[in-house]
Amino acid sequence: MTVAALAASLGLDLLTPELPVEGAEVAAGHASDLLSDVLANAPTGSVLLTIQVHMNVIAVAMHAGLAAVIFTSGMRPEESVRRRAVEEGMPLLGTTESTFETAGRLYGLGLRGRQT
């Protein structure tokens, strides 16, 4: 599934419209607000669900090789964080739904988390 298809299916707000998302593939999902957990456990190519909106989220997402970040519960990053994501090529999306609800919807679309 692509980031664009995911955004359309879930009605997500594209917070980085400058970035192309049509071909960006999402392989899995990961939900966490603990960035060390993301580094240790998020599958490469996954989409991260979080309420954390600071600059370190972008750095961790890049280092972990994530496909995109979805900010849940109506959280939105400041413009400086959004600009950094654009510079790094990291798509950012947003929803007013909770992390729990969004994770359930991703699961319903066929995305799974880390396979052990």
PDB file of N, CA and C in Angstrom:
ATOM      1  N   MET A   1       0.843  -1.167   0.000  1.00  0.00           N
ATOM      2  CA  MET A   1       0.000   0.000   0.000  1.00  0.00           C
ATOM      3  C   MET A   1       0.898   1.244   0.000  1.00  0.00           C
ATOM      4  N   THR A   2       0.519   2.240  -0.755  1.00  0.00           N
ATOM      5  CA  THR A   2       1.302   3.472  -0.792  1.00  0.00           C
ATOM      6  C   THR A   2       0.831   4.446   0.289  1.00  0.00           C
ATOM      7  N   VAL A   3       1.680   5.420   0.583  1.00  0.00           N
ATOM      8  CA  VAL A   3       1.305   6.464   1.537  1.00  0.00           C
ATOM      9  C   VAL A   3       0.069   7.195   1.019  1.00  0.00           C
ATOM     10  N   ALA A   4       0.013   7.441  -0.279  1.00  0.00           N
ATOM     11  CA  ALA A   4      -1.138   8.138  -0.860  1.00  0.00           C
ATOM     12  C   ALA A   4      -2.424   7.330  -0.681  1.00  0.00           C
ATOM     13  N   ALA A   5      -2.364   6.025  -0.936  1.00  0.00           N
ATOM     14  CA  ALA A   5      -3.546   5.171  -0.781  1.00  0.00           C
ATOM     15  C   ALA A   5      -3.968   5.099   0.678  1.00  0.00           C
ATOM     16  N   LEU A   6      -3.004   5.020   1.569  1.00  0.00           N
ATOM     17  CA  LEU A   6      -3.283   4.987   2.999  1.00  0.00           C
ATOM     18  C   LEU A   6      -3.983   6.280   3.433  1.00  0.00           C
ATOM     19  N   ALA A   7      -3.443   7.414   2.993  1.00  0.00           N
ATOM     20  CA  ALA A   7      -4.022   8.713   3.348  1.00  0.00           C
ATOM     21  C   ALA A   7      -5.451   8.830   2.827  1.00  0.00           C
ATOM     22  N   ALA A   8      -5.673   8.385   1.609  1.00  0.00           N
ATOM     23  CA  ALA A   8      -7.015   8.459   1.021  1.00  0.00           C
ATOM     24  C   ALA A   8      -7.979   7.526   1.745  1.00  0.00           C
ATOM     25  N   SER A   9      -7.545   6.311   2.045  1.00  0.00           N
ATOM     26  CA  SER A   9      -8.411   5.330   2.704  1.00  0.00           C
ATOM     27  C   SER A   9      -8.841   5.769   4.091  1.00  0.00           C
ATOM     28  N   LEU A  10      -7.926   6.421   4.817  1.00  0.00           N
ATOM     29  CA  LEU A  10      -8.214   6.827   6.194  1.00  0.00           C
ATOM     30  C   LEU A  10      -8.646   8.284   6.317  1.00  0.00           C
ATOM     31  N   GLY A  11      -8.651   9.020   5.220  1.00  0.00           N
ATOM     32  CA  GLY A  11      -9.019  10.431   5.272  1.00  0.00           C
ATOM     33  C   GLY A  11      -8.029  11.261   6.066  1.00  0.00           C
ATOM     34  N   LEU A  12      -6.747  10.941   5.915  1.00  0.00           N
ATOM     35  CA  LEU A  12      -5.707  11.648   6.665  1.00  0.00           C
ATOM     36  C   LEU A  12      -5.370  12.978   6.004  1.00  0.00           C
ATOM     37  N   ASP A  13      -4.962  13.939   6.824  1.00  0.00           N
ATOM     38  CA  ASP A  13      -4.489  15.229   6.316  1.00  0.00           C
ATOM     39  C   ASP A  13      -3.039  15.078   5.916  1.00  0.00           C
ATOM     40  N   LEU A  14      -2.686  15.486   4.701  1.00  0.00           N
ATOM     41  CA  LEU A  14      -1.305  15.469   4.255  1.00  0.00           C
ATOM     42  C   LEU A  14      -0.656  16.772   4.715  1.00  0.00           C
ATOM     43  N   LEU A  15       0.261  16.675   5.659  1.00  0.00           N
ATOM     44  CA  LEU A  15       0.891  17.851   6.259  1.00  0.00           C
ATOM     45  C   LEU A  15       2.120  18.310   5.486  1.00  0.00           C
ATOM     46  N   THR A  16       2.584  17.483   4.562  1.00  0.00           N
ATOM     47  CA  THR A  16       3.742  17.821   3.732  1.00  0.00           C
ATOM     48  C   THR A  16       3.357  17.662   2.257  1.00  0.00           C
ATOM     49  N   PRO A  17       2.477  18.524   1.762  1.00  0.00           N
ATOM     50  CA  PRO A  17       1.998  18.359   0.385  1.00  0.00           C
ATOM     51  C   PRO A  17       3.087  18.543  -0.665  1.00  0.00           C
ATOM     52  N   GLU A  18       4.222  19.107  -0.253  1.00  0.00           N
ATOM     53  CA  GLU A  18       5.332  19.295  -1.189  1.00  0.00           C
ATOM     54  C   GLU A  18       5.972  17.966  -1.591  1.00  0.00           C
ATOM     55  N   LEU A  19       5.752  16.928  -0.799  1.00  0.00           N
ATOM     56  CA  LEU A  19       6.406  15.645  -1.044  1.00  0.00           C
ATOM     57  C   LEU A  19       5.523  14.712  -1.862  1.00  0.00           C
ATOM     58  N   PRO A  20       6.116  14.016  -2.843  1.00  0.00           N
ATOM     59  CA  PRO A  20       5.340  13.019  -3.591  1.00  0.00           C
ATOM     60  C   PRO A  20       5.115  11.783  -2.725  1.00  0.00           C
ATOM     61  N   VAL A  21       3.872  11.303  -2.654  1.00  0.00           N
ATOM     62  CA  VAL A  21       3.571  10.128  -1.832  1.00  0.00           C
ATOM     63  C   VAL A  21       2.931   9.005  -2.640  1.00  0.00           C
ATOM     64  N   GLU A  22       2.762   9.216  -3.943  1.00  0.00           N
ATOM     65  CA  GLU A  22       2.082   8.217  -4.766  1.00  0.00           C
ATOM     66  C   GLU A  22       2.847   6.898  -4.812  1.00  0.00           C
ATOM     67  N   GLY A  23       4.177   6.941  -4.881  1.00  0.00           N
ATOM     68  CA  GLY A  23       4.952   5.716  -5.002  1.00  0.00           C
ATOM     69  C   GLY A  23       5.587   5.244  -3.714  1.00  0.00           C
ATOM     70  N   ALA A  24       5.427   5.998  -2.640  1.00  0.00           N
ATOM     71  CA  ALA A  24       6.053   5.639  -1.360  1.00  0.00           C
ATOM     72  C   ALA A  24       5.288   4.491  -0.721  1.00  0.00           C
ATOM     73  N   GLU A  25       5.918   3.328  -0.630  1.00  0.00           N
ATOM     74  CA  GLU A  25       5.272   2.124  -0.106  1.00  0.00           C
ATOM     75  C   GLU A  25       5.338   2.044   1.413  1.00  0.00           C
ATOM     76  N   VAL A  26       4.250   1.592   2.000  1.00  0.00           N
ATOM     77  CA  VAL A  26       4.174   1.347   3.445  1.00  0.00           C
ATOM     78  C   VAL A  26       4.139  -0.165   3.636  1.00  0.00           C
ATOM     79  N   ALA A  27       5.108  -0.686   4.396  1.00  0.00           N
ATOM     80  CA  ALA A  27       5.231  -2.132   4.577  1.00  0.00           C
ATOM     81  C   ALA A  27       4.571  -2.642   5.851  1.00  0.00           C
ATOM     82  N   ALA A  28       4.446  -1.764   6.853  1.00  0.00           N
ATOM     83  CA  ALA A  28       3.945  -2.189   8.163  1.00  0.00           C
ATOM     84  C   ALA A  28       3.525  -0.953   8.948  1.00  0.00           C
ATOM     85  N   GLY A  29       3.094  -1.175  10.170  1.00  0.00           N
ATOM     86  CA  GLY A  29       2.732  -0.076  11.059  1.00  0.00           C
ATOM     87  C   GLY A  29       3.393  -0.236  12.410  1.00  0.00           C
ATOM     88  N   HIS A  30       3.576   0.889  13.101  1.00  0.00           N
ATOM     89  CA  HIS A  30       4.145   0.870  14.445  1.00  0.00           C
ATOM     90  C   HIS A  30       3.554   2.054  15.210  1.00  0.00           C
ATOM     91  N   ALA A  31       3.097   1.821  16.415  1.00  0.00           N
ATOM     92  CA  ALA A  31       2.536   2.883  17.249  1.00  0.00           C
ATOM     93  C   ALA A  31       3.362   3.010  18.515  1.00  0.00           C
ATOM     94  N   SER A  32       3.918   4.210  18.738  1.00  0.00           N
ATOM     95  CA  SER A  32       4.706   4.432  19.946  1.00  0.00           C
ATOM     96  C   SER A  32       4.965   5.918  20.116  1.00  0.00           C
ATOM     97  N   ASP A  33       5.026   6.329  21.377  1.00  0.00           N
ATOM     98  CA  ASP A  33       5.437   7.688  21.700  1.00  0.00           C
ATOM     99  C   ASP A  33       6.822   7.706  22.338  1.00  0.00           C
ATOM    100  N   LEU A  34       7.418   6.543  22.454  1.00  0.00           N
ATOM    101  CA  LEU A  34       8.758   6.400  23.015  1.00  0.00           C
ATOM    102  C   LEU A  34       9.722   6.199  21.853  1.00  0.00           C
ATOM    103  N   LEU A  35      10.536   7.203  21.563  1.00  0.00           N
ATOM    104  CA  LEU A  35      11.355   7.164  20.365  1.00  0.00           C
ATOM    105  C   LEU A  35      12.416   6.072  20.404  1.00  0.00           C
ATOM    106  N   SER A  36      12.882   5.703  21.580  1.00  0.00           N
ATOM    107  CA  SER A  36      13.830   4.589  21.662  1.00  0.00           C
ATOM    108  C   SER A  36      13.150   3.288  21.241  1.00  0.00           C
ATOM    109  N   ASP A  37      11.864   3.145  21.518  1.00  0.00           N
ATOM    110  CA  ASP A  37      11.112   1.979  21.069  1.00  0.00           C
ATOM    111  C   ASP A  37      11.006   1.971  19.552  1.00  0.00           C
ATOM    112  N   VAL A  38      10.786   3.124  18.961  1.00  0.00           N
ATOM    113  CA  VAL A  38      10.704   3.218  17.505  1.00  0.00           C
ATOM    114  C   VAL A  38      12.022   2.762  16.890  1.00  0.00           C
ATOM    115  N   LEU A  39      13.134   3.252  17.424  1.00  0.00           N
ATOM    116  CA  LEU A  39      14.444   2.861  16.902  1.00  0.00           C
ATOM    117  C   LEU A  39      14.681   1.361  17.036  1.00  0.00           C
ATOM    118  N   ALA A  40      14.251   0.790  18.137  1.00  0.00           N
ATOM    119  CA  ALA A  40      14.512  -0.627  18.395  1.00  0.00           C
ATOM    120  C   ALA A  40      13.531  -1.558  17.690  1.00  0.00           C
ATOM    121  N   ASN A  41      12.292  -1.111  17.457  1.00  0.00           N
ATOM    122  CA  ASN A  41      11.256  -2.053  17.043  1.00  0.00           C
ATOM    123  C   ASN A  41      10.463  -1.726  15.787  1.00  0.00           C
ATOM    124  N   ALA A  42      10.503  -0.512  15.305  1.00  0.00           N
ATOM    125  CA  ALA A  42       9.706  -0.172  14.121  1.00  0.00           C
ATOM    126  C   ALA A  42      10.311  -0.815  12.873  1.00  0.00           C
ATOM    127  N   PRO A  43       9.517  -1.572  12.131  1.00  0.00           N
ATOM    128  CA  PRO A  43      10.037  -2.191  10.907  1.00  0.00           C
ATOM    129  C   PRO A  43      10.394  -1.123   9.867  1.00  0.00           C
ATOM    130  N   THR A  44      11.445  -1.366   9.128  1.00  0.00           N
ATOM    131  CA  THR A  44      11.806  -0.483   8.020  1.00  0.00           C
ATOM    132  C   THR A  44      10.629  -0.404   7.058  1.00  0.00           C
ATOM    133  N   GLY A  45      10.349   0.791   6.592  1.00  0.00           N
ATOM    134  CA  GLY A  45       9.242   0.987   5.661  1.00  0.00           C
ATOM    135  C   GLY A  45       7.885   1.089   6.312  1.00  0.00           C
ATOM    136  N   SER A  46       7.881   1.179   7.641  1.00  0.00           N
ATOM    137  CA  SER A  46       6.593   1.256   8.337  1.00  0.00           C
ATOM    138  C   SER A  46       6.134   2.699   8.490  1.00  0.00           C
ATOM    139  N   VAL A  47       4.887   2.836   8.873  1.00  0.00           N
ATOM    140  CA  VAL A  47       4.316   4.128   9.208  1.00  0.00           C
ATOM    141  C   VAL A  47       4.230   4.196  10.735  1.00  0.00           C
ATOM    142  N   LEU A  48       4.642   5.324  11.287  1.00  0.00           N
ATOM    143  CA  LEU A  48       4.633   5.510  12.741  1.00  0.00           C
ATOM    144  C   LEU A  48       3.403   6.300  13.150  1.00  0.00           C
ATOM    145  N   LEU A  49       2.696   5.821  14.170  1.00  0.00           N
ATOM    146  CA  LEU A  49       1.601   6.552  14.793  1.00  0.00           C
ATOM    147  C   LEU A  49       2.122   7.118  16.099  1.00  0.00           C
ATOM    148  N   THR A  50       1.975   8.427  16.298  1.00  0.00           N
ATOM    149  CA  THR A  50       2.484   9.053  17.511  1.00  0.00           C
ATOM    150  C   THR A  50       1.759  10.359  17.796  1.00  0.00           C
ATOM    151  N   ILE A  51       1.842  10.791  19.057  1.00  0.00           N
ATOM    152  CA  ILE A  51       1.364  12.130  19.419  1.00  0.00           C
ATOM    153  C   ILE A  51       2.542  13.071  19.650  1.00  0.00           C
ATOM    154  N   GLN A  52       3.762  12.548  19.557  1.00  0.00           N
ATOM    155  CA  GLN A  52       4.961  13.379  19.714  1.00  0.00           C
ATOM    156  C   GLN A  52       5.135  14.236  18.466  1.00  0.00           C
ATOM    157  N   VAL A  53       5.346  15.533  18.619  1.00  0.00           N
ATOM    158  CA  VAL A  53       5.412  16.425  17.460  1.00  0.00           C
ATOM    159  C   VAL A  53       6.703  17.239  17.385  1.00  0.00           C
ATOM    160  N   HIS A  54       7.724  16.824  18.101  1.00  0.00           N
ATOM    161  CA  HIS A  54       8.971  17.605  18.121  1.00  0.00           C
ATOM    162  C   HIS A  54       9.954  17.125  17.051  1.00  0.00           C
ATOM    163  N   MET A  55      11.046  17.855  16.908  1.00  0.00           N
ATOM    164  CA  MET A  55      12.033  17.625  15.860  1.00  0.00           C
ATOM    165  C   MET A  55      12.645  16.229  15.909  1.00  0.00           C
ATOM    166  N   ASN A  56      12.792  15.663  17.098  1.00  0.00           N
ATOM    167  CA  ASN A  56      13.423  14.348  17.203  1.00  0.00           C
ATOM    168  C   ASN A  56      12.615  13.252  16.508  1.00  0.00           C
ATOM    169  N   VAL A  57      11.317  13.456  16.364  1.00  0.00           N
ATOM    170  CA  VAL A  57      10.494  12.476  15.658  1.00  0.00           C
ATOM    171  C   VAL A  57      10.989  12.335  14.218  1.00  0.00           C
ATOM    172  N   ILE A  58      11.330  13.435  13.591  1.00  0.00           N
ATOM    173  CA  ILE A  58      11.798  13.400  12.208  1.00  0.00           C
ATOM    174  C   ILE A  58      13.140  12.688  12.130  1.00  0.00           C
ATOM    175  N   ALA A  59      14.049  13.013  13.037  1.00  0.00           N
ATOM    176  CA  ALA A  59      15.367  12.368  13.044  1.00  0.00           C
ATOM    177  C   ALA A  59      15.241  10.862  13.251  1.00  0.00           C
ATOM    178  N   VAL A  60      14.403  10.455  14.178  1.00  0.00           N
ATOM    179  CA  VAL A  60      14.215   9.028  14.452  1.00  0.00           C
ATOM    180  C   VAL A  60      13.554   8.340  13.263  1.00  0.00           C
ATOM    181  N   ALA A  61      12.564   8.970  12.678  1.00  0.00           N
ATOM    182  CA  ALA A  61      11.884   8.383  11.519  1.00  0.00           C
ATOM    183  C   ALA A  61      12.865   8.162  10.364  1.00  0.00           C
ATOM    184  N   MET A  62      13.736   9.110  10.145  1.00  0.00           N
ATOM    185  CA  MET A  62      14.736   8.971   9.085  1.00  0.00           C
ATOM    186  C   MET A  62      15.714   7.857   9.421  1.00  0.00           C
ATOM    187  N   HIS A  63      16.219   7.858  10.642  1.00  0.00           N
ATOM    188  CA  HIS A  63      17.197   6.845  11.061  1.00  0.00           C
ATOM    189  C   HIS A  63      16.601   5.437  11.002  1.00  0.00           C
ATOM    190  N   ALA A  64      15.339   5.302  11.345  1.00  0.00           N
ATOM    191  CA  ALA A  64      14.680   3.994  11.350  1.00  0.00           C
ATOM    192  C   ALA A  64      14.204   3.567   9.958  1.00  0.00           C
ATOM    193  N   GLY A  65      14.303   4.452   8.979  1.00  0.00           N
ATOM    194  CA  GLY A  65      13.884   4.113   7.624  1.00  0.00           C
ATOM    195  C   GLY A  65      12.386   3.975   7.469  1.00  0.00           C
ATOM    196  N   LEU A  66      11.646   4.846   8.170  1.00  0.00           N
ATOM    197  CA  LEU A  66      10.183   4.785   8.101  1.00  0.00           C
ATOM    198  C   LEU A  66       9.670   5.366   6.794  1.00  0.00           C
ATOM    199  N   ALA A  67       8.458   4.964   6.415  1.00  0.00           N
ATOM    200  CA  ALA A  67       7.834   5.466   5.193  1.00  0.00           C
ATOM    201  C   ALA A  67       7.106   6.780   5.425  1.00  0.00           C
ATOM    202  N   ALA A  68       6.566   6.976   6.630  1.00  0.00           N
ATOM    203  CA  ALA A  68       5.796   8.177   6.948  1.00  0.00           C
ATOM    204  C   ALA A  68       5.505   8.213   8.444  1.00  0.00           C
ATOM    205  N   VAL A  69       5.071   9.387   8.900  1.00  0.00           N
ATOM    206  CA  VAL A  69       4.649   9.573  10.290  1.00  0.00           C
ATOM    207  C   VAL A  69       3.221  10.094  10.277  1.00  0.00           C
ATOM    208  N   ILE A  70       2.382   9.477  11.101  1.00  0.00           N
ATOM    209  CA  ILE A  70       1.004   9.950  11.277  1.00  0.00           C
ATOM    210  C   ILE A  70       0.880  10.487  12.694  1.00  0.00           C
ATOM    211  N   PHE A  71       0.545  11.759  12.799  1.00  0.00           N
ATOM    212  CA  PHE A  71       0.293  12.379  14.099  1.00  0.00           C
ATOM    213  C   PHE A  71      -1.184  12.184  14.422  1.00  0.00           C
ATOM    214  N   THR A  72      -1.472  11.570  15.552  1.00  0.00           N
ATOM    215  CA  THR A  72      -2.839  11.243  15.932  1.00  0.00           C
ATOM    216  C   THR A  72      -3.382  12.231  16.963  1.00  0.00           C
ATOM    217  N   SER A  73      -4.635  12.068  17.306  1.00  0.00           N
ATOM    218  CA  SER A  73      -5.310  12.857  18.355  1.00  0.00           C
ATOM    219  C   SER A  73      -5.263  14.360  18.103  1.00  0.00           C
ATOM    220  N   GLY A  74      -5.233  14.747  16.836  1.00  0.00           N
ATOM    221  CA  GLY A  74      -5.235  16.161  16.483  1.00  0.00           C
ATOM    222  C   GLY A  74      -3.918  16.879  16.693  1.00  0.00           C
ATOM    223  N   MET A  75      -2.866  16.158  17.029  1.00  0.00           N
ATOM    224  CA  MET A  75      -1.561  16.782  17.239  1.00  0.00           C
ATOM    225  C   MET A  75      -0.966  17.198  15.894  1.00  0.00           C
ATOM    226  N   ARG A  76      -0.307  18.355  15.878  1.00  0.00           N
ATOM    227  CA  ARG A  76       0.329  18.865  14.665  1.00  0.00           C
ATOM    228  C   ARG A  76       1.688  19.451  15.043  1.00  0.00           C
ATOM    229  N   PRO A  77       2.708  19.176  14.218  1.00  0.00           N
ATOM    230  CA  PRO A  77       4.030  19.726  14.500  1.00  0.00           C
ATOM    231  C   PRO A  77       4.085  21.217  14.168  1.00  0.00           C
ATOM    232  N   GLU A  78       5.043  21.888  14.789  1.00  0.00           N
ATOM    233  CA  GLU A  78       5.298  23.294  14.443  1.00  0.00           C
ATOM    234  C   GLU A  78       5.847  23.365  13.026  1.00  0.00           C
ATOM    235  N   GLU A  79       5.797  24.538  12.448  1.00  0.00           N
ATOM    236  CA  GLU A  79       6.247  24.723  11.072  1.00  0.00           C
ATOM    237  C   GLU A  79       7.715  24.333  10.885  1.00  0.00           C
ATOM    238  N   SER A  80       8.558  24.594  11.861  1.00  0.00           N
ATOM    239  CA  SER A  80       9.978  24.230  11.725  1.00  0.00           C
ATOM    240  C   SER A  80      10.156  22.718  11.614  1.00  0.00           C
ATOM    241  N   VAL A  81       9.360  21.967  12.328  1.00  0.00           N
ATOM    242  CA  VAL A  81       9.415  20.502  12.263  1.00  0.00           C
ATOM    243  C   VAL A  81       8.891  20.035  10.910  1.00  0.00           C
ATOM    244  N   ARG A  82       7.821  20.627  10.458  1.00  0.00           N
ATOM    245  CA  ARG A  82       7.247  20.284   9.162  1.00  0.00           C
ATOM    246  C   ARG A  82       8.244  20.566   8.039  1.00  0.00           C
ATOM    247  N   ARG A  83       8.910  21.706   8.109  1.00  0.00           N
ATOM    248  CA  ARG A  83       9.906  22.059   7.087  1.00  0.00           C
ATOM    249  C   ARG A  83      11.070  21.065   7.079  1.00  0.00           C
ATOM    250  N   ARG A  84      11.512  20.655   8.275  1.00  0.00           N
ATOM    251  CA  ARG A  84      12.603  19.675   8.347  1.00  0.00           C
ATOM    252  C   ARG A  84      12.175  18.362   7.695  1.00  0.00           C
ATOM    253  N   ALA A  85      10.943  17.952   7.923  1.00  0.00           N
ATOM    254  CA  ALA A  85      10.439  16.722   7.313  1.00  0.00           C
ATOM    255  C   ALA A  85      10.468  16.830   5.790  1.00  0.00           C
ATOM    256  N   VAL A  86      10.090  17.985   5.268  1.00  0.00           N
ATOM    257  CA  VAL A  86      10.126  18.203   3.817  1.00  0.00           C
ATOM    258  C   VAL A  86      11.569  18.117   3.325  1.00  0.00           C
ATOM    259  N   GLU A  87      12.492  18.765   4.023  1.00  0.00           N
ATOM    260  CA  GLU A  87      13.904  18.724   3.644  1.00  0.00           C
ATOM    261  C   GLU A  87      14.433  17.293   3.623  1.00  0.00           C
ATOM    262  N   GLU A  88      13.991  16.483   4.560  1.00  0.00           N
ATOM    263  CA  GLU A  88      14.464  15.100   4.681  1.00  0.00           C
ATOM    264  C   GLU A  88      13.665  14.120   3.815  1.00  0.00           C
ATOM    265  N   GLY A  89      12.546  14.588   3.255  1.00  0.00           N
ATOM    266  CA  GLY A  89      11.716  13.719   2.422  1.00  0.00           C
ATOM    267  C   GLY A  89      10.835  12.767   3.211  1.00  0.00           C
ATOM    268  N   MET A  90      10.464  13.161   4.430  1.00  0.00           N
ATOM    269  CA  MET A  90       9.630  12.321   5.294  1.00  0.00           C
ATOM    270  C   MET A  90       8.188  12.805   5.258  1.00  0.00           C
ATOM    271  N   PRO A  91       7.273  12.056   4.647  1.00  0.00           N
ATOM    272  CA  PRO A  91       5.874  12.472   4.619  1.00  0.00           C
ATOM    273  C   PRO A  91       5.261  12.487   6.023  1.00  0.00           C
ATOM    274  N   LEU A  92       4.527  13.552   6.301  1.00  0.00           N
ATOM    275  CA  LEU A  92       3.809  13.685   7.567  1.00  0.00           C
ATOM    276  C   LEU A  92       2.317  13.749   7.272  1.00  0.00           C
ATOM    277  N   LEU A  93       1.553  13.011   8.083  1.00  0.00           N
ATOM    278  CA  LEU A  93       0.106  12.993   7.948  1.00  0.00           C
ATOM    279  C   LEU A  93      -0.508  13.245   9.310  1.00  0.00           C
ATOM    280  N   GLY A  94      -1.771  13.612   9.330  1.00  0.00           N
ATOM    281  CA  GLY A  94      -2.424  13.880  10.601  1.00  0.00           C
ATOM    282  C   GLY A  94      -3.863  13.411  10.614  1.00  0.00           C
ATOM    283  N   THR A  95      -4.338  13.128  11.829  1.00  0.00           N
ATOM    284  CA  THR A  95      -5.725  12.740  12.033  1.00  0.00           C
ATOM    285  C   THR A  95      -6.169  13.205  13.416  1.00  0.00           C
ATOM    286  N   THR A  96      -7.461  13.424  13.553  1.00  0.00           N
ATOM    287  CA  THR A  96      -8.002  13.760  14.869  1.00  0.00           C
ATOM    288  C   THR A  96      -8.335  12.496  15.660  1.00  0.00           C
ATOM    289  N   GLU A  97      -8.322  11.352  15.003  1.00  0.00           N
ATOM    290  CA  GLU A  97      -8.598  10.095  15.694  1.00  0.00           C
ATOM    291  C   GLU A  97      -7.471   9.749  16.664  1.00  0.00           C
ATOM    292  N   SER A  98      -7.790   8.943  17.658  1.00  0.00           N
ATOM    293  CA  SER A  98      -6.778   8.500  18.616  1.00  0.00           C
ATOM    294  C   SER A  98      -5.815   7.522  17.957  1.00  0.00           C
ATOM    295  N   THR A  99      -4.696   7.306  18.609  1.00  0.00           N
ATOM    296  CA  THR A  99      -3.735   6.314  18.128  1.00  0.00           C
ATOM    297  C   THR A  99      -4.392   4.942  18.059  1.00  0.00           C
ATOM    298  N   PHE A 100      -5.164   4.595  19.074  1.00  0.00           N
ATOM    299  CA  PHE A 100      -5.840   3.294  19.127  1.00  0.00           C
ATOM    300  C   PHE A 100      -6.756   3.112  17.921  1.00  0.00           C
ATOM    301  N   GLU A 101      -7.598   4.111  17.660  1.00  0.00           N
ATOM    302  CA  GLU A 101      -8.530   4.021  16.542  1.00  0.00           C
ATOM    303  C   GLU A 101      -7.800   3.929  15.211  1.00  0.00           C
ATOM    304  N   THR A 102      -6.755   4.729  15.050  1.00  0.00           N
ATOM    305  CA  THR A 102      -6.000   4.745  13.799  1.00  0.00           C
ATOM    306  C   THR A 102      -5.280   3.418  13.585  1.00  0.00           C
ATOM    307  N   ALA A 103      -4.698   2.867  14.652  1.00  0.00           N
ATOM    308  CA  ALA A 103      -4.031   1.571  14.546  1.00  0.00           C
ATOM    309  C   ALA A 103      -5.023   0.491  14.120  1.00  0.00           C
ATOM    310  N   GLY A 104      -6.214   0.529  14.663  1.00  0.00           N
ATOM    311  CA  GLY A 104      -7.234  -0.440  14.282  1.00  0.00           C
ATOM    312  C   GLY A 104      -7.612  -0.318  12.825  1.00  0.00           C
ATOM    313  N   ARG A 105      -7.702   0.892  12.344  1.00  0.00           N
ATOM    314  CA  ARG A 105      -8.050   1.103  10.945  1.00  0.00           C
ATOM    315  C   ARG A 105      -6.921   0.645  10.017  1.00  0.00           C
ATOM    316  N   LEU A 106      -5.674   0.874  10.432  1.00  0.00           N
ATOM    317  CA  LEU A 106      -4.536   0.388   9.641  1.00  0.00           C
ATOM    318  C   LEU A 106      -4.543  -1.139   9.576  1.00  0.00           C
ATOM    319  N   TYR A 107      -4.832  -1.759  10.712  1.00  0.00           N
ATOM    320  CA  TYR A 107      -4.910  -3.215  10.770  1.00  0.00           C
ATOM    321  C   TYR A 107      -6.008  -3.717   9.833  1.00  0.00           C
ATOM    322  N   GLY A 108      -7.122  -3.023   9.832  1.00  0.00           N
ATOM    323  CA  GLY A 108      -8.227  -3.378   8.958  1.00  0.00           C
ATOM    324  C   GLY A 108      -7.882  -3.274   7.481  1.00  0.00           C
ATOM    325  N   LEU A 109      -6.914  -2.412   7.161  1.00  0.00           N
ATOM    326  CA  LEU A 109      -6.457  -2.282   5.773  1.00  0.00           C
ATOM    327  C   LEU A 109      -5.420  -3.340   5.415  1.00  0.00           C
ATOM    328  N   GLY A 110      -5.036  -4.156   6.387  1.00  0.00           N
ATOM    329  CA  GLY A 110      -4.088  -5.223   6.102  1.00  0.00           C
ATOM    330  C   GLY A 110      -2.674  -4.976   6.579  1.00  0.00           C
ATOM    331  N   LEU A 111      -2.408  -3.808   7.146  1.00  0.00           N
ATOM    332  CA  LEU A 111      -1.058  -3.553   7.663  1.00  0.00           C
ATOM    333  C   LEU A 111      -0.870  -4.269   8.980  1.00  0.00           C
ATOM    334  N   ARG A 112       0.311  -4.793   9.188  1.00  0.00           N
ATOM    335  CA  ARG A 112       0.650  -5.458  10.427  1.00  0.00           C
ATOM    336  C   ARG A 112       1.893  -4.809  11.016  1.00  0.00           C
ATOM    337  N   GLY A 113       2.171  -5.131  12.245  1.00  0.00           N
ATOM    338  CA  GLY A 113       3.357  -4.615  12.910  1.00  0.00           C
ATOM    339  C   GLY A 113       4.548  -5.523  12.696  1.00  0.00           C
ATOM    340  N   ARG A 114       5.498  -5.369  13.555  1.00  0.00           N
ATOM    341  CA  ARG A 114       6.732  -6.163  13.490  1.00  0.00           C
ATOM    342  C   ARG A 114       6.412  -7.646  13.620  1.00  0.00           C
ATOM    343  N   GLN A 115       6.933  -8.410  12.707  1.00  0.00           N
ATOM    344  CA  GLN A 115       6.755  -9.870  12.745  1.00  0.00           C
ATOM    345  C   GLN A 115       7.954 -10.484  13.449  1.00  0.00           C
ATOM    346  N   THR A 116       7.705 -11.240  14.518  1.00  0.00           N
ATOM    347  CA  THR A 116       8.821 -11.835  15.259  1.00  0.00           C
ATOM    348  C   THR A 116       9.110 -13.235  14.789  1.00  0.00           C
TER     349      THR A 116
END
